[in-house]
Amino acid sequence: MSVRRARLVAFYLPQFHPIPENDAWWGRGFTEWTNVTKALPLFPGHEQPHLPADLGYYDLRVPETRAAQAELARAHGIEAFCYWHYWFEGRRLLERPFAEVLGSGEPDFPFCLAWANETWSRRWLGEEKEILLKQTYSAADEERHARWLVEAFADRRSLRVHGRPVFLVYRPLDLPEPRRFTDVVRRACALSGIADPLLLGISSHHRADYRSAGFDGNVEFEPQLGVIPDPLGDGLKVHDYAASRARMAHARGSSAAHPCIMVSWDNTPRRGANGIVFTGATPAAFEAGLREMIDSVQHQPAEERLVFVNAWNEWAEGNHLEPCLRHGRGYLEAVRRAVGG
């Protein structure tokens, strides 16, 4: 493979194994595959269900599955996985896959974490209706959280920029005192002899420069559902992928931040007839958008050219690089071409 033009990081969902909480909330044995396999097409040409190809209906408690994912990602130009991290005042959910990655040293593939600091509810998009588990905060918990994060940052596989471990927060402005949190994390790293972390706020729900809140920068997340009319309302919302991405880019403005591109989007497996579907999402359309993003970071030093991809395996949002029966490895091949030039 030719020299990579950017450092591609794919968001990684760990909800492919049963946990007691999901058993209680959604039914015994629930995993993300439960939503995926019940999906049906809702209009002519609707590409549902999305069914896995190479990796099958995997269970993330199986080490061989995690190894196969890493090898597939590495072979197609993905540098690291960004694992969604669920922390509720010391209580971690869906933690087993990453805990085993951290504890075993395998797979030998870079990683970072993104704290999904939002309330869990039955609506799947973070609205606080039918709350399952409330996200709360305290100064004491920030200290505890920071000490835990230091263990992950210390791992040799931790994704770094100029030696600085990378950490993301999904809703920075939900933190009661964002700068207090960033200061606590930085102090914990300093006390442990770890380089000052690169702390990034995810721009999904707010339009702000998070440097004013103590972060080092932003990740301009996709999809920006706020550009879609009434995204949380009742009824099916169907929009064009390329046109919607253009509106999202316009909404972002000129803020200097790390770019992020969605692979595709169709959350009807989760929300049924109230879902959002972006039609026209193909490997070719994705590759065109990814090339634009990679081109946009070429002025930066190579070490700093982080480009995030949403997502590696968000199957119930119709949003995955992993091979499927319809497109095979098409999206992965698009990544390999784009990042290689």
Foldseek 3Di string as FASTA:
>chain_A
DFAFLFAEEFEDELQLFDDPLCCVVPNPGDGLVVLLVVDDADDPPRDDRWAFDPLHSDHLLDQVSQQVLQVLCVVLRHQEYAYEWEQALNDTDSCNNVVCCLVVVPDLGAYEYEYAQAFDALLPPRDPDRTSGGRDDDLVSLLVVLLVVLSVLPDPRAQDQVQAGEYEYECQVVHPQNQSSLVSNQVSCVVVVGPRHQYEYEPQPDQDFCVVRVHNGYEDDPPNCVLFPPLQDAFEAEAADLVSVVSSVVVNPDGDHAYEEFQFFWLCSSVPRSIYGHPPRDLVSRLVVLLVNSVVCSVDPRSPRYYYYHHCDSSNGVTHCRATPPQGNSNSNSSNVSRND
